[in-house]
C-alpha atoms as a PDB file:
ATOM      1  CA  UNK A   1       9.995 -58.572 -29.079  1.00  0.00           C
ATOM      2  CA  UNK A   2       7.521 -56.384 -30.997  1.00  0.00           C
ATOM      3  CA  UNK A   3       4.569 -57.959 -29.120  1.00  0.00           C
ATOM      4  CA  UNK A   4       6.129 -56.877 -25.817  1.00  0.00           C
ATOM      5  CA  UNK A   5       6.543 -53.309 -27.048  1.00  0.00           C
ATOM      6  CA  UNK A   6       2.931 -52.991 -28.159  1.00  0.00           C
ATOM      7  CA  UNK A   7       1.726 -53.999 -24.689  1.00  0.00           C
ATOM      8  CA  UNK A   8       3.722 -51.314 -22.883  1.00  0.00           C
ATOM      9  CA  UNK A   9       1.452 -48.938 -20.996  1.00  0.00           C
ATOM     10  CA  UNK A  10       2.806 -45.462 -20.248  1.00  0.00           C
ATOM     11  CA  UNK A  11       1.574 -43.997 -16.978  1.00  0.00           C
ATOM     12  CA  UNK A  12       1.577 -40.211 -16.575  1.00  0.00           C
ATOM     13  CA  UNK A  13       2.530 -39.386 -12.987  1.00  0.00           C
ATOM     14  CA  UNK A  14       3.331 -35.745 -13.672  1.00  0.00           C
ATOM     15  CA  UNK A  15       1.662 -32.928 -11.748  1.00  0.00           C
ATOM     16  CA  UNK A  16      -1.418 -31.075 -12.974  1.00  0.00           C
ATOM     17  CA  UNK A  17      -0.095 -27.787 -14.468  1.00  0.00           C
ATOM     18  CA  UNK A  18      -3.529 -26.092 -14.525  1.00  0.00           C
ATOM     19  CA  UNK A  19      -3.301 -24.547 -11.023  1.00  0.00           C
ATOM     20  CA  UNK A  20       0.016 -22.895 -11.968  1.00  0.00           C
ATOM     21  CA  UNK A  21      -1.557 -21.323 -15.040  1.00  0.00           C
ATOM     22  CA  UNK A  22      -4.736 -20.335 -13.220  1.00  0.00           C
ATOM     23  CA  UNK A  23      -2.814 -18.665 -10.381  1.00  0.00           C
ATOM     24  CA  UNK A  24      -0.609 -16.835 -12.897  1.00  0.00           C
ATOM     25  CA  UNK A  25      -3.673 -15.611 -14.724  1.00  0.00           C
ATOM     26  CA  UNK A  26      -5.758 -14.921 -11.615  1.00  0.00           C
ATOM     27  CA  UNK A  27      -3.265 -12.900  -9.587  1.00  0.00           C
ATOM     28  CA  UNK A  28      -2.186 -10.778 -12.543  1.00  0.00           C
ATOM     29  CA  UNK A  29      -5.790 -10.152 -13.600  1.00  0.00           C
ATOM     30  CA  UNK A  30      -6.766  -9.070 -10.092  1.00  0.00           C
ATOM     31  CA  UNK A  31      -3.888  -6.613  -9.792  1.00  0.00           C
ATOM     32  CA  UNK A  32      -4.347  -5.068 -13.256  1.00  0.00           C
ATOM     33  CA  UNK A  33      -8.042  -4.643 -12.586  1.00  0.00           C
ATOM     34  CA  UNK A  34      -7.383  -2.919  -9.265  1.00  0.00           C
ATOM     35  CA  UNK A  35      -5.781  -0.331 -11.569  1.00  0.00           C
ATOM     36  CA  UNK A  36      -8.727  -0.394 -14.004  1.00  0.00           C
ATOM     37  CA  UNK A  37     -11.134   0.067 -11.076  1.00  0.00           C
ATOM     38  CA  UNK A  38      -9.183   3.173 -10.048  1.00  0.00           C
ATOM     39  CA  UNK A  39      -7.375   2.006  -6.889  1.00  0.00           C
ATOM     40  CA  UNK A  40      -3.862   2.875  -8.147  1.00  0.00           C
ATOM     41  CA  UNK A  41      -2.111   3.895 -11.380  1.00  0.00           C
ATOM     42  CA  UNK A  42      -0.465   1.526 -13.844  1.00  0.00           C
ATOM     43  CA  UNK A  43       2.943   0.769 -12.351  1.00  0.00           C
ATOM     44  CA  UNK A  44       5.985  -1.515 -12.412  1.00  0.00           C
ATOM     45  CA  UNK A  45       4.319  -4.013 -10.048  1.00  0.00           C
ATOM     46  CA  UNK A  46       1.603  -4.696 -12.631  1.00  0.00           C
ATOM     47  CA  UNK A  47       4.144  -4.878 -15.460  1.00  0.00           C
ATOM     48  CA  UNK A  48       6.397  -7.213 -13.479  1.00  0.00           C
ATOM     49  CA  UNK A  49       3.435  -9.469 -12.686  1.00  0.00           C
ATOM     50  CA  UNK A  50       2.394  -9.311 -16.336  1.00  0.00           C
ATOM     51  CA  UNK A  51       5.744 -10.520 -17.610  1.00  0.00           C
ATOM     52  CA  UNK A  52       6.721 -13.025 -14.908  1.00  0.00           C
ATOM     53  CA  UNK A  53       3.518 -14.438 -13.409  1.00  0.00           C
ATOM     54  CA  UNK A  54       0.839 -13.733 -16.014  1.00  0.00           C
ATOM     55  CA  UNK A  55       3.277 -14.294 -18.861  1.00  0.00           C
ATOM     56  CA  UNK A  56       6.093 -16.736 -18.172  1.00  0.00           C
ATOM     57  CA  UNK A  57       4.279 -18.865 -15.562  1.00  0.00           C
ATOM     58  CA  UNK A  58       1.291 -19.350 -17.865  1.00  0.00           C
ATOM     59  CA  UNK A  59       3.468 -20.197 -20.861  1.00  0.00           C
ATOM     60  CA  UNK A  60       5.251 -22.823 -18.746  1.00  0.00           C
ATOM     61  CA  UNK A  61       1.850 -24.211 -17.692  1.00  0.00           C
ATOM     62  CA  UNK A  62       0.806 -24.321 -21.353  1.00  0.00           C
ATOM     63  CA  UNK A  63       3.923 -26.254 -22.331  1.00  0.00           C
ATOM     64  CA  UNK A  64       3.313 -28.709 -19.490  1.00  0.00           C
ATOM     65  CA  UNK A  65      -0.312 -29.121 -20.612  1.00  0.00           C
ATOM     66  CA  UNK A  66       1.008 -29.992 -24.073  1.00  0.00           C
ATOM     67  CA  UNK A  67       2.989 -32.869 -22.577  1.00  0.00           C
ATOM     68  CA  UNK A  68      -0.291 -34.106 -21.061  1.00  0.00           C
ATOM     69  CA  UNK A  69      -1.908 -33.896 -24.520  1.00  0.00           C
ATOM     70  CA  UNK A  70      -4.412 -31.306 -23.274  1.00  0.00           C
ATOM     71  CA  UNK A  71      -5.150 -29.111 -26.299  1.00  0.00           C
ATOM     72  CA  UNK A  72      -7.477 -26.787 -24.374  1.00  0.00           C
ATOM     73  CA  UNK A  73      -4.952 -26.175 -21.566  1.00  0.00           C
ATOM     74  CA  UNK A  74      -2.065 -25.778 -24.009  1.00  0.00           C
ATOM     75  CA  UNK A  75      -3.958 -23.242 -26.106  1.00  0.00           C
ATOM     76  CA  UNK A  76      -5.388 -21.274 -23.172  1.00  0.00           C
ATOM     77  CA  UNK A  77      -2.332 -21.001 -20.935  1.00  0.00           C
ATOM     78  CA  UNK A  78       0.195 -20.442 -23.720  1.00  0.00           C
ATOM     79  CA  UNK A  79      -1.843 -17.778 -25.499  1.00  0.00           C
ATOM     80  CA  UNK A  80      -2.969 -15.938 -22.372  1.00  0.00           C
ATOM     81  CA  UNK A  81       0.638 -16.011 -21.164  1.00  0.00           C
ATOM     82  CA  UNK A  82       1.724 -14.340 -24.367  1.00  0.00           C
ATOM     83  CA  UNK A  83      -1.257 -11.971 -24.065  1.00  0.00           C
ATOM     84  CA  UNK A  84       0.249 -10.610 -20.832  1.00  0.00           C
ATOM     85  CA  UNK A  85       3.698 -10.293 -22.383  1.00  0.00           C
ATOM     86  CA  UNK A  86       2.276  -8.531 -25.453  1.00  0.00           C
ATOM     87  CA  UNK A  87       0.255  -6.177 -23.242  1.00  0.00           C
ATOM     88  CA  UNK A  88       3.355  -5.133 -21.303  1.00  0.00           C
ATOM     89  CA  UNK A  89       5.164  -4.633 -24.630  1.00  0.00           C
ATOM     90  CA  UNK A  90       2.387  -2.277 -25.816  1.00  0.00           C
ATOM     91  CA  UNK A  91       2.938  -0.206 -22.657  1.00  0.00           C
ATOM     92  CA  UNK A  92       6.747  -0.191 -22.687  1.00  0.00           C
ATOM     93  CA  UNK A  93       7.758   0.047 -26.356  1.00  0.00           C
ATOM     94  CA  UNK A  94       6.496   3.641 -26.743  1.00  0.00           C
ATOM     95  CA  UNK A  95       8.437   4.689 -23.608  1.00  0.00           C
ATOM     96  CA  UNK A  96      11.589   3.068 -25.042  1.00  0.00           C
ATOM     97  CA  UNK A  97      11.105   4.812 -28.388  1.00  0.00           C
ATOM     98  CA  UNK A  98      10.700   1.497 -30.211  1.00  0.00           C
ATOM     99  CA  UNK A  99       7.156   2.138 -31.505  1.00  0.00           C
ATOM    100  CA  UNK A 100       4.384   4.693 -31.355  1.00  0.00           C
ATOM    101  CA  UNK A 101       1.822   4.335 -28.592  1.00  0.00           C
ATOM    102  CA  UNK A 102      -1.382   2.526 -29.578  1.00  0.00           C
ATOM    103  CA  UNK A 103      -4.491   4.667 -29.748  1.00  0.00           C
ATOM    104  CA  UNK A 104      -7.492   3.785 -27.612  1.00  0.00           C
ATOM    105  CA  UNK A 105      -9.234   2.810 -30.866  1.00  0.00           C
ATOM    106  CA  UNK A 106      -6.448   0.368 -31.773  1.00  0.00           C
ATOM    107  CA  UNK A 107      -6.445  -1.089 -28.247  1.00  0.00           C
ATOM    108  CA  UNK A 108     -10.198  -1.538 -28.588  1.00  0.00           C
ATOM    109  CA  UNK A 109      -9.607  -3.925 -31.493  1.00  0.00           C
ATOM    110  CA  UNK A 110      -6.822  -5.693 -29.581  1.00  0.00           C
ATOM    111  CA  UNK A 111      -9.210  -6.343 -26.686  1.00  0.00           C
ATOM    112  CA  UNK A 112     -12.183  -7.132 -28.937  1.00  0.00           C
ATOM    113  CA  UNK A 113     -10.374  -9.965 -30.698  1.00  0.00           C
ATOM    114  CA  UNK A 114      -9.103 -11.380 -27.409  1.00  0.00           C
ATOM    115  CA  UNK A 115     -12.751 -11.324 -26.308  1.00  0.00           C
ATOM    116  CA  UNK A 116     -13.857 -13.199 -29.418  1.00  0.00           C
ATOM    117  CA  UNK A 117     -11.126 -15.810 -28.873  1.00  0.00           C
ATOM    118  CA  UNK A 118     -12.117 -16.139 -25.206  1.00  0.00           C
ATOM    119  CA  UNK A 119     -15.788 -16.563 -26.086  1.00  0.00           C
ATOM    120  CA  UNK A 120     -14.799 -19.429 -28.365  1.00  0.00           C
ATOM    121  CA  UNK A 121     -12.751 -20.997 -25.568  1.00  0.00           C
ATOM    122  CA  UNK A 122     -15.709 -20.588 -23.203  1.00  0.00           C
ATOM    123  CA  UNK A 123     -17.679 -23.060 -25.339  1.00  0.00           C
ATOM    124  CA  UNK A 124     -14.892 -25.580 -24.692  1.00  0.00           C
ATOM    125  CA  UNK A 125     -15.432 -25.222 -20.944  1.00  0.00           C
ATOM    126  CA  UNK A 126     -18.987 -26.509 -21.316  1.00  0.00           C
ATOM    127  CA  UNK A 127     -17.418 -29.996 -21.370  1.00  0.00           C
ATOM    128  CA  UNK A 128     -15.095 -29.287 -18.417  1.00  0.00           C
ATOM    129  CA  UNK A 129     -16.374 -27.834 -15.121  1.00  0.00           C
ATOM    130  CA  UNK A 130     -18.513 -24.998 -13.796  1.00  0.00           C
ATOM    131  CA  UNK A 131     -15.577 -23.167 -12.203  1.00  0.00           C
ATOM    132  CA  UNK A 132     -13.812 -22.853 -15.568  1.00  0.00           C
ATOM    133  CA  UNK A 133     -17.097 -21.773 -17.148  1.00  0.00           C
ATOM    134  CA  UNK A 134     -17.208 -18.871 -14.681  1.00  0.00           C
ATOM    135  CA  UNK A 135     -13.552 -17.979 -15.382  1.00  0.00           C
ATOM    136  CA  UNK A 136     -13.943 -17.948 -19.165  1.00  0.00           C
ATOM    137  CA  UNK A 137     -17.379 -16.312 -19.321  1.00  0.00           C
ATOM    138  CA  UNK A 138     -16.271 -13.530 -16.974  1.00  0.00           C
ATOM    139  CA  UNK A 139     -13.021 -13.138 -18.944  1.00  0.00           C
ATOM    140  CA  UNK A 140     -14.898 -12.817 -22.238  1.00  0.00           C
ATOM    141  CA  UNK A 141     -17.147 -10.191 -20.628  1.00  0.00           C
ATOM    142  CA  UNK A 142     -14.063  -8.395 -19.284  1.00  0.00           C
ATOM    143  CA  UNK A 143     -12.436  -8.192 -22.715  1.00  0.00           C
ATOM    144  CA  UNK A 144     -15.667  -6.914 -24.294  1.00  0.00           C
ATOM    145  CA  UNK A 145     -16.149  -4.291 -21.564  1.00  0.00           C
ATOM    146  CA  UNK A 146     -12.547  -3.121 -21.894  1.00  0.00           C
ATOM    147  CA  UNK A 147     -12.929  -2.940 -25.680  1.00  0.00           C
ATOM    148  CA  UNK A 148     -16.120  -0.882 -25.330  1.00  0.00           C
ATOM    149  CA  UNK A 149     -14.322   1.343 -22.824  1.00  0.00           C
ATOM    150  CA  UNK A 150     -11.493   1.964 -25.292  1.00  0.00           C
ATOM    151  CA  UNK A 151     -13.738   2.455 -28.330  1.00  0.00           C
ATOM    152  CA  UNK A 152     -15.941   4.922 -26.447  1.00  0.00           C
ATOM    153  CA  UNK A 153     -13.147   6.311 -24.228  1.00  0.00           C
ATOM    154  CA  UNK A 154     -15.696   6.081 -21.428  1.00  0.00           C
ATOM    155  CA  UNK A 155     -14.014   6.032 -18.009  1.00  0.00           C
ATOM    156  CA  UNK A 156     -17.108   4.627 -16.255  1.00  0.00           C
ATOM    157  CA  UNK A 157     -17.121   1.535 -18.511  1.00  0.00           C
ATOM    158  CA  UNK A 158     -13.419   0.978 -17.760  1.00  0.00           C
ATOM    159  CA  UNK A 159     -14.113   1.250 -14.016  1.00  0.00           C
ATOM    160  CA  UNK A 160     -16.979  -1.247 -14.245  1.00  0.00           C
ATOM    161  CA  UNK A 161     -14.672  -3.519 -16.245  1.00  0.00           C
ATOM    162  CA  UNK A 162     -12.113  -3.227 -13.448  1.00  0.00           C
ATOM    163  CA  UNK A 163     -14.525  -4.554 -10.838  1.00  0.00           C
ATOM    164  CA  UNK A 164     -15.705  -7.305 -13.179  1.00  0.00           C
ATOM    165  CA  UNK A 165     -12.038  -8.162 -13.845  1.00  0.00           C
ATOM    166  CA  UNK A 166     -11.339  -8.484 -10.125  1.00  0.00           C
ATOM    167  CA  UNK A 167     -14.188 -11.006  -9.958  1.00  0.00           C
ATOM    168  CA  UNK A 168     -12.750 -12.862 -12.976  1.00  0.00           C
ATOM    169  CA  UNK A 169      -9.287 -13.045 -11.411  1.00  0.00           C
ATOM    170  CA  UNK A 170     -10.705 -14.216  -8.086  1.00  0.00           C
ATOM    171  CA  UNK A 171     -12.660 -16.965  -9.881  1.00  0.00           C
ATOM    172  CA  UNK A 172      -9.429 -18.206 -11.501  1.00  0.00           C
ATOM    173  CA  UNK A 173      -7.620 -18.104  -8.154  1.00  0.00           C
ATOM    174  CA  UNK A 174     -10.478 -20.035  -6.516  1.00  0.00           C
ATOM    175  CA  UNK A 175     -10.372 -22.664  -9.274  1.00  0.00           C
ATOM    176  CA  UNK A 176      -6.605 -23.102  -8.853  1.00  0.00           C
ATOM    177  CA  UNK A 177      -6.804 -23.472  -5.075  1.00  0.00           C
ATOM    178  CA  UNK A 178      -9.768 -25.861  -5.397  1.00  0.00           C
ATOM    179  CA  UNK A 179      -7.828 -28.080  -7.793  1.00  0.00           C
ATOM    180  CA  UNK A 180      -4.786 -28.172  -5.489  1.00  0.00           C
ATOM    181  CA  UNK A 181      -6.756 -28.853  -2.293  1.00  0.00           C
ATOM    182  CA  UNK A 182      -9.056 -31.409  -3.922  1.00  0.00           C
ATOM    183  CA  UNK A 183      -6.025 -33.301  -5.242  1.00  0.00           C
ATOM    184  CA  UNK A 184      -4.131 -33.160  -1.933  1.00  0.00           C
ATOM    185  CA  UNK A 185      -7.085 -34.380   0.128  1.00  0.00           C
ATOM    186  CA  UNK A 186      -8.355 -36.828  -2.482  1.00  0.00           C
ATOM    187  CA  UNK A 187     -11.882 -35.484  -2.207  1.00  0.00           C
ATOM    188  CA  UNK A 188     -13.864 -32.360  -3.024  1.00  0.00           C
ATOM    189  CA  UNK A 189     -12.865 -29.741  -0.451  1.00  0.00           C
ATOM    190  CA  UNK A 190     -13.850 -26.799  -2.670  1.00  0.00           C
ATOM    191  CA  UNK A 191     -16.467 -27.534  -5.352  1.00  0.00           C
ATOM    192  CA  UNK A 192     -15.669 -26.869  -8.997  1.00  0.00           C
ATOM    193  CA  UNK A 193     -18.884 -28.302 -10.462  1.00  0.00           C
ATOM    194  CA  UNK A 194     -17.665 -31.228 -12.496  1.00  0.00           C
ATOM    195  CA  UNK A 195     -19.718 -31.669 -15.683  1.00  0.00           C
ATOM    196  CA  UNK A 196     -21.226 -35.175 -15.945  1.00  0.00           C
END
C-alpha cells in the first residue's frame, strides 16, 4: 500500500494566474500615471481600480501562485496588491479623519522602500523572461522617480515619472496578453524573450 502511495504523481492542471496579476497591476499603473502625467486629477476611478483591480485581483493572483509553489509570483502579486490597497488607504484615511495626511517627505520614504524592494525583485527576473525584466526595471525606476519627486517636491519629476509609469503599466499589460495568447495558440504569438 505504501509503495503505491509513493508512486503517485500529482499533475497541476490549474490555470496560470500571472496574467491576472499582470493585468491588475498594468491597468491600475497606467491609470494612476495618467494622473501623475497631468491628464486628470486623482479621482474615485483611480481609487476604485487601486482597491479592486490593482489590489484584490493581484492578491488573488498571489494566492494562486502560492498553490503553484511559485515564490516569486506569490511575493510579487501579493505584496503589490497590498501596495495598491495601502496607497488608497493613505489617500482616504485623512479625508475620513482616521489619520493625518502623510507629508511629501514621508511619502518619499514610502516610495523609496518600494523601489528598493522592486529592484531586488528585478534581479529575480533575470532567470525568468525579458518581458518581466522590462516590467520590473521600469517599475523600480518609477518608484525611484516618484520618491525623488516627493523628496524634492518637484512637479516636473512627477510628470516625467507619470510618463515612465504609463510605459511600465503598458509593459505589464503586454506581458499578460502575450502569456494568454501564447498559451491559447500553443506557440509564441507575442514574444516575451524566454531566458535560456
